[in-house]
Structures are given as structure tokens and as C-alpha cells.
């Protein structure tokens, strides 16, 4: 029979532990986010969201970055595509997708916002 202390240690060892990304990955991700946000400052934007795994650098080497943006009331419809093209010219390391939050359906918006974190 297993005593209480050994049972506690066994159950603790069987749990999966989330590993924090290294300082270099977190630092480079912070620099990339700062670069994206500085490029977005020129436009009339209320707030910006990104996926939690991207912000915390858990996701390694993302092929493309998706940013969810809420524009002010006076922004035009095709504004998100224009900003996406401008960001692709500015930041050549990553493919950045800009999605307007107001263009999402409510059910899709609810699903997406479970996994995003406000960046600005």
C-alpha cells in the first residue's frame, strides 16, 4: 500500500508542467510587438488584441501573426487590408494579418476572444 506522502509525490509527478519560454524568446517577442504597435500608432485605432500564446512567446516561430483591431467610428470598411499591406512593407520578418473586430460575426467573435489578450 502507498502511504499518503508517496501518493502526493506520485500525483504531482504525473501532472504536466507548463514550461515558461526562455528569456530570449520573450524579449524578441516583446520587441516585435513593440514594433507592430509603433507602426499601428499612425492609424486611428482604439484597441489591439493578439493571441495569448503569441504574446507570451509560448508559440515558437509563428508563420503569421494575427492582430485583432478595433477602429474608431470614422474608419472606412477596407481600412484593415490597407493597414495589413502597410505592416507587411514595414515589418519584413513576419506575415501580419489585421482583422477588424467589428467585421466578425458575434459567434465567431465570442470564440476568438477566449484566446486573445489585449495588447493596447
PDB file of N, CA and C in Angstrom:
ATOM      1  N   UNK A   1       0.840  -1.176   0.000  1.00  0.00           N
ATOM      2  CA  UNK A   1       0.000   0.000   0.000  1.00  0.00           C
ATOM      3  C   UNK A   1       0.895   1.253   0.000  1.00  0.00           C
ATOM      4  N   UNK A   2       0.461   2.276  -0.686  1.00  0.00           N
ATOM      5  CA  UNK A   2       1.234   3.513  -0.803  1.00  0.00           C
ATOM      6  C   UNK A   2       0.774   4.478   0.286  1.00  0.00           C
ATOM      7  N   UNK A   3       1.752   5.031   1.009  1.00  0.00           N
ATOM      8  CA  UNK A   3       1.367   5.985   2.049  1.00  0.00           C
ATOM      9  C   UNK A   3       0.992   7.331   1.427  1.00  0.00           C
ATOM     10  N   UNK A   4       0.483   8.217   2.259  1.00  0.00           N
ATOM     11  CA  UNK A   4      -0.067   9.488   1.789  1.00  0.00           C
ATOM     12  C   UNK A   4       1.005  10.368   1.123  1.00  0.00           C
ATOM     13  N   UNK A   5       2.196  10.422   1.715  1.00  0.00           N
ATOM     14  CA  UNK A   5       3.269  11.266   1.179  1.00  0.00           C
ATOM     15  C   UNK A   5       3.723  10.785  -0.202  1.00  0.00           C
ATOM     16  N   UNK A   6       3.883   9.484  -0.363  1.00  0.00           N
ATOM     17  CA  UNK A   6       4.301   8.935  -1.657  1.00  0.00           C
ATOM     18  C   UNK A   6       3.216   9.145  -2.706  1.00  0.00           C
ATOM     19  N   UNK A   7       1.966   9.022  -2.315  1.00  0.00           N
ATOM     20  CA  UNK A   7       0.850   9.246  -3.228  1.00  0.00           C
ATOM     21  C   UNK A   7       0.839  10.693  -3.714  1.00  0.00           C
ATOM     22  N   UNK A   8       1.128  11.618  -2.802  1.00  0.00           N
ATOM     23  CA  UNK A   8       1.168  13.037  -3.153  1.00  0.00           C
ATOM     24  C   UNK A   8       2.276  13.306  -4.169  1.00  0.00           C
ATOM     25  N   UNK A   9       3.446  12.717  -3.946  1.00  0.00           N
ATOM     26  CA  UNK A   9       4.572  12.917  -4.857  1.00  0.00           C
ATOM     27  C   UNK A   9       4.310  12.280  -6.220  1.00  0.00           C
ATOM     28  N   UNK A  10       3.683  11.120  -6.229  1.00  0.00           N
ATOM     29  CA  UNK A  10       3.358  10.461  -7.496  1.00  0.00           C
ATOM     30  C   UNK A  10       2.362  11.275  -8.306  1.00  0.00           C
ATOM     31  N   UNK A  11       1.334  11.779  -7.649  1.00  0.00           N
ATOM     32  CA  UNK A  11       0.326  12.557  -8.373  1.00  0.00           C
ATOM     33  C   UNK A  11       0.912  13.870  -8.875  1.00  0.00           C
ATOM     34  N   UNK A  12       1.833  14.456  -8.109  1.00  0.00           N
ATOM     35  CA  UNK A  12       2.482  15.694  -8.541  1.00  0.00           C
ATOM     36  C   UNK A  12       3.376  15.440  -9.756  1.00  0.00           C
ATOM     37  N   UNK A  13       4.051  14.296  -9.786  1.00  0.00           N
ATOM     38  CA  UNK A  13       4.936  13.961 -10.896  1.00  0.00           C
ATOM     39  C   UNK A  13       4.199  13.638 -12.177  1.00  0.00           C
ATOM     40  N   UNK A  14       2.960  13.197 -12.065  1.00  0.00           N
ATOM     41  CA  UNK A  14       2.188  12.836 -13.251  1.00  0.00           C
ATOM     42  C   UNK A  14       1.530  14.028 -13.928  1.00  0.00           C
ATOM     43  N   UNK A  15       1.439  15.151 -13.232  1.00  0.00           N
ATOM     44  CA  UNK A  15       0.831  16.343 -13.826  1.00  0.00           C
ATOM     45  C   UNK A  15       1.788  16.953 -14.840  1.00  0.00           C
ATOM     46  N   UNK A  16       1.226  17.467 -15.928  1.00  0.00           N
ATOM     47  CA  UNK A  16       2.068  18.127 -16.929  1.00  0.00           C
ATOM     48  C   UNK A  16       2.386  19.540 -16.465  1.00  0.00           C
ATOM     49  N   UNK A  17       3.632  19.902 -16.578  1.00  0.00           N
ATOM     50  CA  UNK A  17       4.070  21.215 -16.140  1.00  0.00           C
ATOM     51  C   UNK A  17       4.264  22.102 -17.361  1.00  0.00           C
ATOM     52  N   UNK A  18       3.671  23.284 -17.315  1.00  0.00           N
ATOM     53  CA  UNK A  18       3.866  24.233 -18.411  1.00  0.00           C
ATOM     54  C   UNK A  18       5.236  24.865 -18.257  1.00  0.00           C
ATOM     55  N   UNK A  19       5.971  24.858 -19.320  1.00  0.00           N
ATOM     56  CA  UNK A  19       7.302  25.449 -19.284  1.00  0.00           C
ATOM     57  C   UNK A  19       7.243  26.871 -19.824  1.00  0.00           C
ATOM     58  N   UNK A  20       7.887  27.750 -19.101  1.00  0.00           N
ATOM     59  CA  UNK A  20       7.957  29.139 -19.499  1.00  0.00           C
ATOM     60  C   UNK A  20       9.020  29.271 -20.590  1.00  0.00           C
ATOM     61  N   UNK A  21       8.724  30.003 -21.657  1.00  0.00           N
ATOM     62  CA  UNK A  21       9.728  30.182 -22.711  1.00  0.00           C
ATOM     63  C   UNK A  21      10.956  30.922 -22.175  1.00  0.00           C
ATOM     64  N   UNK A  22      12.053  30.755 -22.843  1.00  0.00           N
ATOM     65  CA  UNK A  22      13.298  31.383 -22.417  1.00  0.00           C
ATOM     66  C   UNK A  22      13.245  32.902 -22.519  1.00  0.00           C
ATOM     67  N   UNK A  23      14.167  33.542 -21.841  1.00  0.00           N
ATOM     68  CA  UNK A  23      14.163  34.997 -21.797  1.00  0.00           C
ATOM     69  C   UNK A  23      14.399  35.590 -23.182  1.00  0.00           C
ATOM     70  N   UNK A  24      15.198  34.913 -24.011  1.00  0.00           N
ATOM     71  CA  UNK A  24      15.479  35.442 -25.345  1.00  0.00           C
ATOM     72  C   UNK A  24      14.214  35.465 -26.196  1.00  0.00           C
ATOM     73  N   UNK A  25      13.414  34.406 -26.123  1.00  0.00           N
ATOM     74  CA  UNK A  25      12.168  34.337 -26.900  1.00  0.00           C
ATOM     75  C   UNK A  25      11.185  35.398 -26.420  1.00  0.00           C
ATOM     76  N   UNK A  26      11.074  35.559 -25.106  1.00  0.00           N
ATOM     77  CA  UNK A  26      10.150  36.568 -24.571  1.00  0.00           C
ATOM     78  C   UNK A  26      10.596  37.973 -24.945  1.00  0.00           C
ATOM     79  N   UNK A  27      11.904  38.219 -24.902  1.00  0.00           N
ATOM     80  CA  UNK A  27      12.431  39.540 -25.229  1.00  0.00           C
ATOM     81  C   UNK A  27      12.215  39.868 -26.703  1.00  0.00           C
ATOM     82  N   UNK A  28      12.511  38.912 -27.579  1.00  0.00           N
ATOM     83  CA  UNK A  28      12.342  39.171 -29.012  1.00  0.00           C
ATOM     84  C   UNK A  28      10.863  39.329 -29.366  1.00  0.00           C
ATOM     85  N   UNK A  29       9.999  38.598 -28.685  1.00  0.00           N
ATOM     86  CA  UNK A  29       8.561  38.742 -28.935  1.00  0.00           C
ATOM     87  C   UNK A  29       8.066  40.111 -28.481  1.00  0.00           C
ATOM     88  N   UNK A  30       8.586  40.586 -27.328  1.00  0.00           N
ATOM     89  CA  UNK A  30       8.222  41.922 -26.849  1.00  0.00           C
ATOM     90  C   UNK A  30       8.683  42.993 -27.833  1.00  0.00           C
ATOM     91  N   UNK A  31       9.882  42.817 -28.398  1.00  0.00           N
ATOM     92  CA  UNK A  31      10.392  43.776 -29.372  1.00  0.00           C
ATOM     93  C   UNK A  31       9.537  43.791 -30.634  1.00  0.00           C
ATOM     94  N   UNK A  32       9.125  42.606 -31.105  1.00  0.00           N
ATOM     95  CA  UNK A  32       8.277  42.517 -32.292  1.00  0.00           C
ATOM     96  C   UNK A  32       6.920  43.170 -32.037  1.00  0.00           C
ATOM     97  N   UNK A  33       6.331  42.924 -30.858  1.00  0.00           N
ATOM     98  CA  UNK A  33       5.054  43.555 -30.521  1.00  0.00           C
ATOM     99  C   UNK A  33       5.190  45.072 -30.446  1.00  0.00           C
ATOM    100  N   UNK A  34       6.280  45.556 -29.870  1.00  0.00           N
ATOM    101  CA  UNK A  34       6.501  46.999 -29.796  1.00  0.00           C
ATOM    102  C   UNK A  34       6.647  47.600 -31.190  1.00  0.00           C
ATOM    103  N   UNK A  35       7.313  46.877 -32.081  1.00  0.00           N
ATOM    104  CA  UNK A  35       7.482  47.342 -33.464  1.00  0.00           C
ATOM    105  C   UNK A  35       6.134  47.401 -34.189  1.00  0.00           C
ATOM    106  N   UNK A  36       5.296  46.390 -33.978  1.00  0.00           N
ATOM    107  CA  UNK A  36       3.968  46.367 -34.598  1.00  0.00           C
ATOM    108  C   UNK A  36       3.106  47.495 -34.051  1.00  0.00           C
ATOM    109  N   UNK A  37       3.133  47.686 -32.734  1.00  0.00           N
ATOM    110  CA  UNK A  37       2.313  48.733 -32.122  1.00  0.00           C
ATOM    111  C   UNK A  37       2.777  50.124 -32.532  1.00  0.00           C
ATOM    112  N   UNK A  38       4.074  50.320 -32.687  1.00  0.00           N
ATOM    113  CA  UNK A  38       4.553  51.630 -33.136  1.00  0.00           C
ATOM    114  C   UNK A  38       4.133  51.900 -34.579  1.00  0.00           C
ATOM    115  N   UNK A  39       4.060  50.848 -35.404  1.00  0.00           N
ATOM    116  CA  UNK A  39       3.590  51.023 -36.782  1.00  0.00           C
ATOM    117  C   UNK A  39       2.088  51.303 -36.816  1.00  0.00           C
ATOM    118  N   UNK A  40       1.353  50.766 -35.840  1.00  0.00           N
ATOM    119  CA  UNK A  40      -0.096  50.982 -35.800  1.00  0.00           C
ATOM    120  C   UNK A  40      -0.490  52.322 -35.190  1.00  0.00           C
ATOM    121  N   UNK A  41       0.450  53.030 -34.559  1.00  0.00           N
ATOM    122  CA  UNK A  41       0.128  54.302 -33.913  1.00  0.00           C
ATOM    123  C   UNK A  41      -0.300  55.370 -34.912  1.00  0.00           C
ATOM    124  N   UNK A  42       0.111  55.249 -36.158  1.00  0.00           N
ATOM    125  CA  UNK A  42      -0.221  56.254 -37.170  1.00  0.00           C
ATOM    126  C   UNK A  42      -1.691  56.213 -37.562  1.00  0.00           C
ATOM    127  N   UNK A  43      -2.376  55.133 -37.242  1.00  0.00           N
ATOM    128  CA  UNK A  43      -3.761  54.953 -37.656  1.00  0.00           C
ATOM    129  C   UNK A  43      -4.697  55.194 -36.476  1.00  0.00           C
ATOM    130  N   UNK A  44      -5.954  55.437 -36.789  1.00  0.00           N
ATOM    131  CA  UNK A  44      -6.954  55.757 -35.769  1.00  0.00           C
ATOM    132  C   UNK A  44      -7.517  54.456 -35.187  1.00  0.00           C
ATOM    133  N   UNK A  45      -6.842  53.930 -34.164  1.00  0.00           N
ATOM    134  CA  UNK A  45      -7.190  52.624 -33.602  1.00  0.00           C
ATOM    135  C   UNK A  45      -7.514  52.771 -32.122  1.00  0.00           C
ATOM    136  N   UNK A  46      -8.618  52.142 -31.702  1.00  0.00           N
ATOM    137  CA  UNK A  46      -8.994  52.163 -30.284  1.00  0.00           C
ATOM    138  C   UNK A  46      -8.190  51.151 -29.483  1.00  0.00           C
ATOM    139  N   UNK A  47      -8.217  49.891 -29.916  1.00  0.00           N
ATOM    140  CA  UNK A  47      -7.521  48.847 -29.162  1.00  0.00           C
ATOM    141  C   UNK A  47      -7.059  47.727 -30.085  1.00  0.00           C
ATOM    142  N   UNK A  48      -6.067  46.971 -29.598  1.00  0.00           N
ATOM    143  CA  UNK A  48      -5.451  45.893 -30.374  1.00  0.00           C
ATOM    144  C   UNK A  48      -5.373  44.648 -29.490  1.00  0.00           C
ATOM    145  N   UNK A  49      -5.687  43.490 -30.078  1.00  0.00           N
ATOM    146  CA  UNK A  49      -5.588  42.205 -29.387  1.00  0.00           C
ATOM    147  C   UNK A  49      -4.707  41.267 -30.194  1.00  0.00           C
ATOM    148  N   UNK A  50      -4.053  40.348 -29.494  1.00  0.00           N
ATOM    149  CA  UNK A  50      -3.258  39.290 -30.132  1.00  0.00           C
ATOM    150  C   UNK A  50      -3.473  38.001 -29.345  1.00  0.00           C
ATOM    151  N   UNK A  51      -3.142  36.873 -29.957  1.00  0.00           N
ATOM    152  CA  UNK A  51      -3.318  35.584 -29.288  1.00  0.00           C
ATOM    153  C   UNK A  51      -2.376  35.472 -28.088  1.00  0.00           C
ATOM    154  N   UNK A  52      -2.870  34.866 -27.015  1.00  0.00           N
ATOM    155  CA  UNK A  52      -2.101  34.753 -25.769  1.00  0.00           C
ATOM    156  C   UNK A  52      -0.804  33.983 -25.973  1.00  0.00           C
ATOM    157  N   UNK A  53      -0.850  32.920 -26.767  1.00  0.00           N
ATOM    158  CA  UNK A  53       0.357  32.126 -26.999  1.00  0.00           C
ATOM    159  C   UNK A  53       1.414  32.920 -27.755  1.00  0.00           C
ATOM    160  N   UNK A  54       0.984  33.843 -28.610  1.00  0.00           N
ATOM    161  CA  UNK A  54       1.936  34.681 -29.326  1.00  0.00           C
ATOM    162  C   UNK A  54       2.551  35.712 -28.385  1.00  0.00           C
ATOM    163  N   UNK A  55       1.719  36.348 -27.567  1.00  0.00           N
ATOM    164  CA  UNK A  55       2.205  37.399 -26.671  1.00  0.00           C
ATOM    165  C   UNK A  55       3.169  36.833 -25.633  1.00  0.00           C
ATOM    166  N   UNK A  56       2.849  35.676 -25.077  1.00  0.00           N
ATOM    167  CA  UNK A  56       3.695  35.090 -24.032  1.00  0.00           C
ATOM    168  C   UNK A  56       4.859  34.284 -24.605  1.00  0.00           C
ATOM    169  N   UNK A  57       4.975  34.206 -25.911  1.00  0.00           N
ATOM    170  CA  UNK A  57       6.055  33.512 -26.625  1.00  0.00           C
ATOM    171  C   UNK A  57       6.013  32.006 -26.429  1.00  0.00           C
ATOM    172  N   UNK A  58       4.853  31.455 -26.090  1.00  0.00           N
ATOM    173  CA  UNK A  58       4.706  30.002 -25.992  1.00  0.00           C
ATOM    174  C   UNK A  58       4.747  29.398 -27.389  1.00  0.00           C
ATOM    175  N   UNK A  59       4.113  30.079 -28.329  1.00  0.00           N
ATOM    176  CA  UNK A  59       4.100  29.621 -29.720  1.00  0.00           C
ATOM    177  C   UNK A  59       5.461  29.929 -30.340  1.00  0.00           C
ATOM    178  N   UNK A  60       6.167  28.894 -30.745  1.00  0.00           N
ATOM    179  CA  UNK A  60       7.507  29.084 -31.294  1.00  0.00           C
ATOM    180  C   UNK A  60       7.450  29.309 -32.797  1.00  0.00           C
ATOM    181  N   UNK A  61       8.187  30.286 -33.254  1.00  0.00           N
ATOM    182  CA  UNK A  61       8.332  30.604 -34.673  1.00  0.00           C
ATOM    183  C   UNK A  61       6.997  30.641 -35.413  1.00  0.00           C
ATOM    184  N   UNK A  62       6.131  31.575 -35.075  1.00  0.00           N
ATOM    185  CA  UNK A  62       4.848  31.639 -35.786  1.00  0.00           C
ATOM    186  C   UNK A  62       5.058  32.064 -37.231  1.00  0.00           C
ATOM    187  N   UNK A  63       4.348  31.414 -38.134  1.00  0.00           N
ATOM    188  CA  UNK A  63       4.482  31.745 -39.557  1.00  0.00           C
ATOM    189  C   UNK A  63       3.766  33.049 -39.884  1.00  0.00           C
ATOM    190  N   UNK A  64       2.639  33.260 -39.241  1.00  0.00           N
ATOM    191  CA  UNK A  64       1.938  34.524 -39.427  1.00  0.00           C
ATOM    192  C   UNK A  64       1.358  34.972 -38.090  1.00  0.00           C
ATOM    193  N   UNK A  65       1.213  36.267 -37.952  1.00  0.00           N
ATOM    194  CA  UNK A  65       0.716  36.871 -36.726  1.00  0.00           C
ATOM    195  C   UNK A  65      -0.649  37.471 -37.032  1.00  0.00           C
ATOM    196  N   UNK A  66      -1.639  37.153 -36.211  1.00  0.00           N
ATOM    197  CA  UNK A  66      -2.971  37.711 -36.396  1.00  0.00           C
ATOM    198  C   UNK A  66      -3.234  38.720 -35.294  1.00  0.00           C
ATOM    199  N   UNK A  67      -3.519  39.942 -35.692  1.00  0.00           N
ATOM    200  CA  UNK A  67      -3.843  41.007 -34.747  1.00  0.00           C
ATOM    201  C   UNK A  67      -5.300  41.396 -34.975  1.00  0.00           C
ATOM    202  N   UNK A  68      -6.050  41.492 -33.904  1.00  0.00           N
ATOM    203  CA  UNK A  68      -7.448  41.913 -33.973  1.00  0.00           C
ATOM    204  C   UNK A  68      -7.501  43.368 -33.547  1.00  0.00           C
ATOM    205  N   UNK A  69      -8.076  44.212 -34.404  1.00  0.00           N
ATOM    206  CA  UNK A  69      -8.025  45.650 -34.210  1.00  0.00           C
ATOM    207  C   UNK A  69      -9.437  46.214 -34.175  1.00  0.00           C
ATOM    208  N   UNK A  70      -9.658  47.141 -33.250  1.00  0.00           N
ATOM    209  CA  UNK A  70     -10.926  47.871 -33.213  1.00  0.00           C
ATOM    210  C   UNK A  70     -10.633  49.304 -33.630  1.00  0.00           C
ATOM    211  N   UNK A  71     -11.250  49.713 -34.724  1.00  0.00           N
ATOM    212  CA  UNK A  71     -11.039  51.055 -35.250  1.00  0.00           C
ATOM    213  C   UNK A  71     -12.028  52.029 -34.628  1.00  0.00           C
ATOM    214  N   UNK A  72     -11.732  53.317 -34.768  1.00  0.00           N
ATOM    215  CA  UNK A  72     -12.687  54.324 -34.319  1.00  0.00           C
ATOM    216  C   UNK A  72     -13.872  54.349 -35.277  1.00  0.00           C
ATOM    217  N   UNK A  73     -14.893  55.099 -34.941  1.00  0.00           N
ATOM    218  CA  UNK A  73     -16.138  55.095 -35.713  1.00  0.00           C
ATOM    219  C   UNK A  73     -15.952  55.634 -37.130  1.00  0.00           C
ATOM    220  N   UNK A  74     -14.984  56.507 -37.343  1.00  0.00           N
ATOM    221  CA  UNK A  74     -14.851  57.134 -38.664  1.00  0.00           C
ATOM    222  C   UNK A  74     -13.983  56.342 -39.648  1.00  0.00           C
ATOM    223  N   UNK A  75     -13.535  55.159 -39.281  1.00  0.00           N
ATOM    224  CA  UNK A  75     -12.695  54.341 -40.167  1.00  0.00           C
ATOM    225  C   UNK A  75     -13.531  53.724 -41.282  1.00  0.00           C
ATOM    226  N   UNK A  76     -12.916  53.561 -42.454  1.00  0.00           N
ATOM    227  CA  UNK A  76     -13.609  53.003 -43.619  1.00  0.00           C
ATOM    228  C   UNK A  76     -13.628  51.474 -43.551  1.00  0.00           C
ATOM    229  N   UNK A  77     -14.370  50.848 -44.475  1.00  0.00           N
ATOM    230  CA  UNK A  77     -14.527  49.397 -44.473  1.00  0.00           C
ATOM    231  C   UNK A  77     -13.242  48.653 -44.836  1.00  0.00           C
ATOM    232  N   UNK A  78     -12.538  49.059 -45.867  1.00  0.00           N
ATOM    233  CA  UNK A  78     -11.352  48.348 -46.324  1.00  0.00           C
ATOM    234  C   UNK A  78     -10.071  48.796 -45.635  1.00  0.00           C
ATOM    235  N   UNK A  79     -10.209  49.431 -44.510  1.00  0.00           N
ATOM    236  CA  UNK A  79      -9.075  50.006 -43.795  1.00  0.00           C
ATOM    237  C   UNK A  79      -8.131  48.929 -43.257  1.00  0.00           C
ATOM    238  N   UNK A  80      -8.671  47.794 -42.827  1.00  0.00           N
ATOM    239  CA  UNK A  80      -7.850  46.728 -42.238  1.00  0.00           C
ATOM    240  C   UNK A  80      -6.888  46.140 -43.269  1.00  0.00           C
ATOM    241  N   UNK A  81      -7.358  45.930 -44.501  1.00  0.00           N
ATOM    242  CA  UNK A  81      -6.487  45.384 -45.542  1.00  0.00           C
ATOM    243  C   UNK A  81      -5.361  46.360 -45.878  1.00  0.00           C
ATOM    244  N   UNK A  82      -5.698  47.647 -45.902  1.00  0.00           N
ATOM    245  CA  UNK A  82      -4.704  48.674 -46.199  1.00  0.00           C
ATOM    246  C   UNK A  82      -3.612  48.687 -45.126  1.00  0.00           C
ATOM    247  N   UNK A  83      -4.022  48.614 -43.875  1.00  0.00           N
ATOM    248  CA  UNK A  83      -3.053  48.606 -42.777  1.00  0.00           C
ATOM    249  C   UNK A  83      -2.214  47.327 -42.817  1.00  0.00           C
ATOM    250  N   UNK A  84      -2.836  46.199 -43.160  1.00  0.00           N
ATOM    251  CA  UNK A  84      -2.101  44.935 -43.275  1.00  0.00           C
ATOM    252  C   UNK A  84      -1.008  45.009 -44.322  1.00  0.00           C
ATOM    253  N   UNK A  85      -1.304  45.626 -45.466  1.00  0.00           N
ATOM    254  CA  UNK A  85      -0.291  45.773 -46.516  1.00  0.00           C
ATOM    255  C   UNK A  85       0.829  46.708 -46.070  1.00  0.00           C
ATOM    256  N   UNK A  86       0.470  47.782 -45.365  1.00  0.00           N
ATOM    257  CA  UNK A  86       1.484  48.713 -44.864  1.00  0.00           C
ATOM    258  C   UNK A  86       2.410  48.023 -43.853  1.00  0.00           C
ATOM    259  N   UNK A  87       1.826  47.190 -42.983  1.00  0.00           N
ATOM    260  CA  UNK A  87       2.638  46.480 -41.994  1.00  0.00           C
ATOM    261  C   UNK A  87       3.552  45.450 -42.651  1.00  0.00           C
ATOM    262  N   UNK A  88       3.081  44.812 -43.714  1.00  0.00           N
ATOM    263  CA  UNK A  88       3.932  43.854 -44.428  1.00  0.00           C
ATOM    264  C   UNK A  88       5.141  44.547 -45.047  1.00  0.00           C
ATOM    265  N   UNK A  89       4.956  45.797 -45.491  1.00  0.00           N
ATOM    266  CA  UNK A  89       6.086  46.556 -46.030  1.00  0.00           C
ATOM    267  C   UNK A  89       7.035  46.987 -44.914  1.00  0.00           C
ATOM    268  N   UNK A  90       6.465  47.368 -43.763  1.00  0.00           N
ATOM    269  CA  UNK A  90       7.275  47.866 -42.655  1.00  0.00           C
ATOM    270  C   UNK A  90       8.044  46.745 -41.962  1.00  0.00           C
ATOM    271  N   UNK A  91       7.345  45.650 -41.641  1.00  0.00           N
ATOM    272  CA  UNK A  91       7.948  44.537 -40.906  1.00  0.00           C
ATOM    273  C   UNK A  91       8.082  43.359 -41.861  1.00  0.00           C
ATOM    274  N   UNK A  92       9.280  43.111 -42.307  1.00  0.00           N
ATOM    275  CA  UNK A  92       9.504  42.087 -43.324  1.00  0.00           C
ATOM    276  C   UNK A  92       9.725  40.699 -42.726  1.00  0.00           C
ATOM    277  N   UNK A  93       9.975  40.599 -41.415  1.00  0.00           N
ATOM    278  CA  UNK A  93      10.262  39.311 -40.784  1.00  0.00           C
ATOM    279  C   UNK A  93       9.035  38.414 -40.693  1.00  0.00           C
ATOM    280  N   UNK A  94       7.867  38.989 -40.491  1.00  0.00           N
ATOM    281  CA  UNK A  94       6.654  38.223 -40.215  1.00  0.00           C
ATOM    282  C   UNK A  94       5.543  38.613 -41.177  1.00  0.00           C
ATOM    283  N   UNK A  95       4.654  37.665 -41.429  1.00  0.00           N
ATOM    284  CA  UNK A  95       3.424  37.970 -42.162  1.00  0.00           C
ATOM    285  C   UNK A  95       2.378  38.336 -41.115  1.00  0.00           C
ATOM    286  N   UNK A  96       1.853  39.544 -41.199  1.00  0.00           N
ATOM    287  CA  UNK A  96       0.929  40.038 -40.182  1.00  0.00           C
ATOM    288  C   UNK A  96      -0.446  40.211 -40.803  1.00  0.00           C
ATOM    289  N   UNK A  97      -1.443  39.594 -40.192  1.00  0.00           N
ATOM    290  CA  UNK A  97      -2.831  39.718 -40.628  1.00  0.00           C
ATOM    291  C   UNK A  97      -3.561  40.646 -39.672  1.00  0.00           C
ATOM    292  N   UNK A  98      -4.272  41.609 -40.231  1.00  0.00           N
ATOM    293  CA  UNK A  98      -5.066  42.528 -39.429  1.00  0.00           C
ATOM    294  C   UNK A  98      -6.532  42.206 -39.672  1.00  0.00           C
ATOM    295  N   UNK A  99      -7.272  41.964 -38.599  1.00  0.00           N
ATOM    296  CA  UNK A  99      -8.700  41.663 -38.700  1.00  0.00           C
ATOM    297  C   UNK A  99      -9.466  42.700 -37.899  1.00  0.00           C
ATOM    298  N   UNK A 100     -10.466  43.302 -38.543  1.00  0.00           N
ATOM    299  CA  UNK A 100     -11.321  44.275 -37.880  1.00  0.00           C
ATOM    300  C   UNK A 100     -12.311  43.527 -36.991  1.00  0.00           C
ATOM    301  N   UNK A 101     -12.356  43.885 -35.719  1.00  0.00           N
ATOM    302  CA  UNK A 101     -13.227  43.209 -34.754  1.00  0.00           C
ATOM    303  C   UNK A 101     -14.695  43.425 -35.105  1.00  0.00           C
ATOM    304  N   UNK A 102     -15.022  44.600 -35.617  1.00  0.00           N
ATOM    305  CA  UNK A 102     -16.421  44.914 -35.932  1.00  0.00           C
ATOM    306  C   UNK A 102     -16.935  44.117 -37.126  1.00  0.00           C
ATOM    307  N   UNK A 103     -16.043  43.562 -37.937  1.00  0.00           N
ATOM    308  CA  UNK A 103     -16.473  42.787 -39.099  1.00  0.00           C
ATOM    309  C   UNK A 103     -16.756  41.324 -38.753  1.00  0.00           C
ATOM    310  N   UNK A 104     -16.402  40.885 -37.544  1.00  0.00           N
ATOM    311  CA  UNK A 104     -16.627  39.495 -37.140  1.00  0.00           C
ATOM    312  C   UNK A 104     -18.077  39.265 -36.725  1.00  0.00           C
ATOM    313  N   UNK A 105     -18.577  38.075 -37.012  1.00  0.00           N
ATOM    314  CA  UNK A 105     -19.899  37.686 -36.532  1.00  0.00           C
ATOM    315  C   UNK A 105     -19.838  37.502 -35.015  1.00  0.00           C
ATOM    316  N   UNK A 106     -20.952  37.727 -34.317  1.00  0.00           N
ATOM    317  CA  UNK A 106     -20.926  37.615 -32.847  1.00  0.00           C
ATOM    318  C   UNK A 106     -20.464  36.253 -32.331  1.00  0.00           C
ATOM    319  N   UNK A 107     -20.878  35.174 -32.982  1.00  0.00           N
ATOM    320  CA  UNK A 107     -20.466  33.844 -32.517  1.00  0.00           C
ATOM    321  C   UNK A 107     -18.972  33.621 -32.743  1.00  0.00           C
ATOM    322  N   UNK A 108     -18.456  34.095 -33.866  1.00  0.00           N
ATOM    323  CA  UNK A 108     -17.025  33.976 -34.156  1.00  0.00           C
ATOM    324  C   UNK A 108     -16.228  34.854 -33.196  1.00  0.00           C
ATOM    325  N   UNK A 109     -16.735  36.042 -32.937  1.00  0.00           N
ATOM    326  CA  UNK A 109     -16.073  36.969 -32.028  1.00  0.00           C
ATOM    327  C   UNK A 109     -15.974  36.371 -30.622  1.00  0.00           C
ATOM    328  N   UNK A 110     -17.047  35.733 -30.175  1.00  0.00           N
ATOM    329  CA  UNK A 110     -17.050  35.104 -28.853  1.00  0.00           C
ATOM    330  C   UNK A 110     -16.019  33.975 -28.787  1.00  0.00           C
ATOM    331  N   UNK A 111     -15.936  33.184 -29.846  1.00  0.00           N
ATOM    332  CA  UNK A 111     -14.979  32.075 -29.896  1.00  0.00           C
ATOM    333  C   UNK A 111     -13.539  32.582 -29.917  1.00  0.00           C
ATOM    334  N   UNK A 112     -13.284  33.626 -30.702  1.00  0.00           N
ATOM    335  CA  UNK A 112     -11.926  34.156 -30.853  1.00  0.00           C
ATOM    336  C   UNK A 112     -11.458  34.823 -29.564  1.00  0.00           C
ATOM    337  N   UNK A 113     -12.350  35.540 -28.894  1.00  0.00           N
ATOM    338  CA  UNK A 113     -11.938  36.324 -27.737  1.00  0.00           C
ATOM    339  C   UNK A 113     -11.694  35.484 -26.487  1.00  0.00           C
ATOM    340  N   UNK A 114     -11.874  34.159 -26.579  1.00  0.00           N
ATOM    341  CA  UNK A 114     -11.481  33.290 -25.472  1.00  0.00           C
ATOM    342  C   UNK A 114      -9.971  33.112 -25.444  1.00  0.00           C
ATOM    343  N   UNK A 115      -9.325  33.334 -26.577  1.00  0.00           N
ATOM    344  CA  UNK A 115      -7.903  33.022 -26.718  1.00  0.00           C
ATOM    345  C   UNK A 115      -7.023  34.248 -26.960  1.00  0.00           C
ATOM    346  N   UNK A 116      -7.577  35.457 -26.872  1.00  0.00           N
ATOM    347  CA  UNK A 116      -6.773  36.642 -27.164  1.00  0.00           C
ATOM    348  C   UNK A 116      -6.546  37.473 -25.905  1.00  0.00           C
ATOM    349  N   UNK A 117      -5.533  38.319 -25.994  1.00  0.00           N
ATOM    350  CA  UNK A 117      -5.158  39.192 -24.890  1.00  0.00           C
ATOM    351  C   UNK A 117      -5.002  40.604 -25.446  1.00  0.00           C
ATOM    352  N   UNK A 118      -5.494  41.586 -24.698  1.00  0.00           N
ATOM    353  CA  UNK A 118      -5.405  42.960 -25.178  1.00  0.00           C
ATOM    354  C   UNK A 118      -3.965  43.440 -25.054  1.00  0.00           C
ATOM    355  N   UNK A 119      -3.462  43.952 -26.170  1.00  0.00           N
ATOM    356  CA  UNK A 119      -2.083  44.421 -26.221  1.00  0.00           C
ATOM    357  C   UNK A 119      -2.028  45.928 -26.017  1.00  0.00           C
ATOM    358  N   UNK A 120      -3.022  46.621 -26.567  1.00  0.00           N
ATOM    359  CA  UNK A 120      -3.088  48.079 -26.410  1.00  0.00           C
ATOM    360  C   UNK A 120      -4.506  48.516 -26.297  1.00  0.00           C
TER     361      UNK A 120
END
